[in-house]
Amino acid sequence: MRTFNRRGRRGDDPNNRCHWSFVFHDAGAEIGNLFQVLVIDLDRLCYQFDRRDGVDILNPTSEGRFEVVTIRASRYRHATAILKKEPSPWNGTDRCQDWTVNCLIALEVEEMIPPGTAQWVNELVGKSATELAHVLGCRWIPNRPES
């Protein structure tokens, strides 16, 4: 999972949550496939699903990343189908982080990831990039040099 800054702001802006997305990639790879929801109406908090293949894992706009879980390559198609089926936030309340947690719940229901994974990630919702780095410790991989 990656966290991004928004509109040139660092991921510590208290008025804007970090943007979360999934990146599926092979171990040690520098590119992967990105799955996310993008805001299409900021005033009403409406989002749409977005998939991009062949993206740079070390994207310069990304604050950092952490591995949530490893999914076997043989289950990749099923996992991507689950992410594509998860409704994008459209209720004026939920955001990309909530969608990410909902995807993890769906993956748990399909027994593709360990029980409790979604709850663990849900406890990270709303945290800044700095807070994520602190809470996650060595699981957090920054994309920028520490300042």
Protein backbone atom coordinates (compact mmCIF):
# COMPACT_ATOMS: atom_id res chain seq x y z
CA MET A 1 0.00 0.00 0.00
CA ARG A 2 1.31 3.45 -0.82
CA THR A 3 0.54 6.84 0.65
CA PHE A 4 0.72 9.96 -1.47
CA ASN A 5 0.87 13.66 -0.84
CA ARG A 6 -1.91 15.73 -2.36
CA ARG A 7 -1.45 18.77 -4.57
CA GLY A 8 2.15 19.36 -3.55
CA ARG A 9 1.48 19.08 0.19
CA ARG A 10 3.44 16.76 2.40
CA GLY A 11 1.52 13.83 3.85
CA ASP A 12 1.34 15.61 7.20
CA ASP A 13 -1.24 18.24 6.23
CA PRO A 14 -3.89 17.90 8.99
CA ASN A 15 -6.62 19.02 6.57
CA ASN A 16 -5.96 16.28 4.01
CA ARG A 17 -5.63 12.57 4.59
CA CYS A 18 -2.86 10.73 2.79
CA HIS A 19 -4.04 9.13 -0.43
CA TRP A 20 -3.88 5.33 -0.19
CA SER A 21 -3.63 2.87 -3.04
CA PHE A 22 -2.72 -0.74 -3.64
CA VAL A 23 0.27 -1.72 -5.75
CA PHE A 24 0.56 -5.36 -6.77
CA HIS A 25 4.08 -6.34 -7.79
CA ASP A 26 6.54 -9.21 -7.80
CA ALA A 27 9.08 -9.33 -4.97
CA GLY A 28 12.00 -7.03 -5.75
CA ALA A 29 10.25 -5.47 -8.77
CA GLU A 30 10.49 -1.74 -9.48
CA ILE A 31 7.17 -1.56 -11.31
CA GLY A 32 3.73 -2.86 -10.46
CA ASN A 33 0.01 -2.44 -11.06
CA LEU A 34 -1.74 0.36 -9.20
CA PHE A 35 -5.32 0.10 -7.91
CA GLN A 36 -6.98 3.14 -6.35
CA VAL A 37 -10.01 5.39 -6.31
CA LEU A 38 -9.63 8.98 -7.47
CA VAL A 39 -11.81 11.88 -6.39
CA ILE A 40 -13.98 13.22 -9.20
CA ASP A 41 -16.02 15.65 -7.08
CA LEU A 42 -14.18 17.01 -4.05
CA ASP A 43 -17.19 18.93 -2.70
CA ARG A 44 -19.38 15.82 -2.62
CA LEU A 45 -16.54 13.32 -2.04
CA CYS A 46 -17.37 11.16 -5.05
CA TYR A 47 -14.70 8.80 -6.37
CA GLN A 48 -14.10 6.48 -9.31
CA PHE A 49 -12.00 3.34 -9.62
CA ASP A 50 -8.64 3.66 -11.38
CA ARG A 51 -6.20 0.96 -12.45
CA ARG A 52 -2.79 1.66 -13.95
CA ASP A 53 -0.40 -1.05 -15.05
CA GLY A 54 3.38 -0.73 -15.15
CA VAL A 55 3.72 2.10 -12.62
CA ASP A 56 6.96 2.95 -10.84
CA ILE A 57 6.74 1.66 -7.27
CA LEU A 58 9.12 4.43 -6.15
CA ASN A 59 6.86 7.19 -7.47
CA PRO A 60 8.36 10.57 -6.46
CA THR A 61 4.99 11.88 -5.24
CA SER A 62 4.61 8.96 -2.84
CA GLU A 63 5.49 9.55 0.79
CA GLY A 64 6.18 5.87 1.30
CA ARG A 65 4.68 2.44 1.45
CA PHE A 66 4.21 -0.63 3.57
CA GLU A 67 3.41 -4.22 2.79
CA VAL A 68 0.00 -5.22 4.02
CA VAL A 69 0.04 -8.82 2.86
CA THR A 70 1.50 -11.10 0.22
CA ILE A 71 -0.97 -12.66 -2.21
CA ARG A 72 0.10 -15.70 -4.19
CA ALA A 73 0.58 -15.04 -7.92
CA SER A 74 -1.96 -17.76 -8.68
CA ARG A 75 -4.64 -15.66 -6.89
CA TYR A 76 -3.70 -12.33 -8.48
CA ARG A 77 -6.58 -12.29 -10.99
CA HIS A 78 -9.12 -13.11 -8.31
CA ALA A 79 -7.72 -10.38 -6.04
CA THR A 80 -7.83 -7.77 -8.81
CA ALA A 81 -11.42 -8.74 -9.63
CA ILE A 82 -12.36 -8.17 -5.98
CA LEU A 83 -10.77 -4.70 -5.99
CA LYS A 84 -12.56 -3.79 -9.22
CA LYS A 85 -15.93 -4.90 -7.79
CA GLU A 86 -15.59 -2.88 -4.57
CA PRO A 87 -17.82 0.20 -4.95
CA SER A 88 -16.02 3.53 -5.06
CA PRO A 89 -16.95 5.99 -2.30
CA TRP A 90 -20.00 7.97 -3.34
CA ASN A 91 -21.70 8.80 -0.04
CA GLY A 92 -20.07 12.14 0.82
CA THR A 93 -18.24 10.64 3.80
CA ASP A 94 -15.95 7.80 2.77
CA ARG A 95 -12.60 8.40 1.08
CA CYS A 96 -9.81 6.40 -0.52
CA GLN A 97 -8.61 5.08 2.84
CA ASP A 98 -12.09 3.75 3.60
CA TRP A 99 -12.26 2.11 0.16
CA THR A 100 -8.90 0.47 0.85
CA VAL A 101 -10.18 -1.00 4.12
CA ASN A 102 -13.37 -2.18 2.40
CA CYS A 103 -11.25 -3.95 -0.23
CA LEU A 104 -9.31 -5.68 2.53
CA ILE A 105 -12.57 -6.79 4.15
CA ALA A 106 -13.66 -8.26 0.81
CA LEU A 107 -10.31 -10.04 0.44
CA GLU A 108 -10.74 -11.45 3.98
CA VAL A 109 -14.23 -12.71 3.16
CA GLU A 110 -12.75 -14.57 0.18
CA GLU A 111 -10.07 -15.96 2.54
CA MET A 112 -7.30 -14.45 0.42
CA ILE A 113 -5.70 -12.60 3.33
CA PRO A 114 -5.48 -13.41 7.04
CA PRO A 115 -8.40 -12.54 9.33
CA GLY A 116 -7.84 -9.27 11.16
CA THR A 117 -5.85 -7.62 8.37
CA ALA A 118 -8.61 -5.12 7.56
CA GLN A 119 -9.06 -4.25 11.25
CA TRP A 120 -5.32 -3.65 11.61
CA VAL A 121 -5.25 -1.33 8.57
CA ASN A 122 -8.47 0.38 9.71
CA GLU A 123 -6.62 1.49 12.84
CA LEU A 124 -4.23 3.40 10.56
CA VAL A 125 -6.97 5.40 8.81
CA GLY A 126 -6.53 9.15 9.21
CA LYS A 127 -2.90 9.03 10.31
CA SER A 128 -0.36 11.31 8.65
CA ALA A 129 2.66 9.92 6.82
CA THR A 130 4.83 10.74 9.84
CA GLU A 131 2.40 8.98 12.18
CA LEU A 132 2.28 5.96 9.86
CA ALA A 133 6.07 5.79 9.83
CA HIS A 134 6.13 5.90 13.63
CA VAL A 135 3.37 3.31 14.16
CA LEU A 136 4.62 0.93 11.46
CA GLY A 137 8.29 1.15 12.40
CA CYS A 138 10.45 -1.00 10.15
CA ARG A 139 7.41 -1.97 8.02
CA TRP A 140 7.30 1.62 6.70
CA ILE A 141 9.46 2.21 3.61
CA PRO A 142 9.90 5.94 2.91
CA ASN A 143 10.20 7.08 -0.70
CA ARG A 144 11.95 10.29 0.31
CA PRO A 145 15.00 10.93 2.41
CA GLU A 146 14.09 11.79 5.98
CA SER A 147 14.28 15.56 6.58
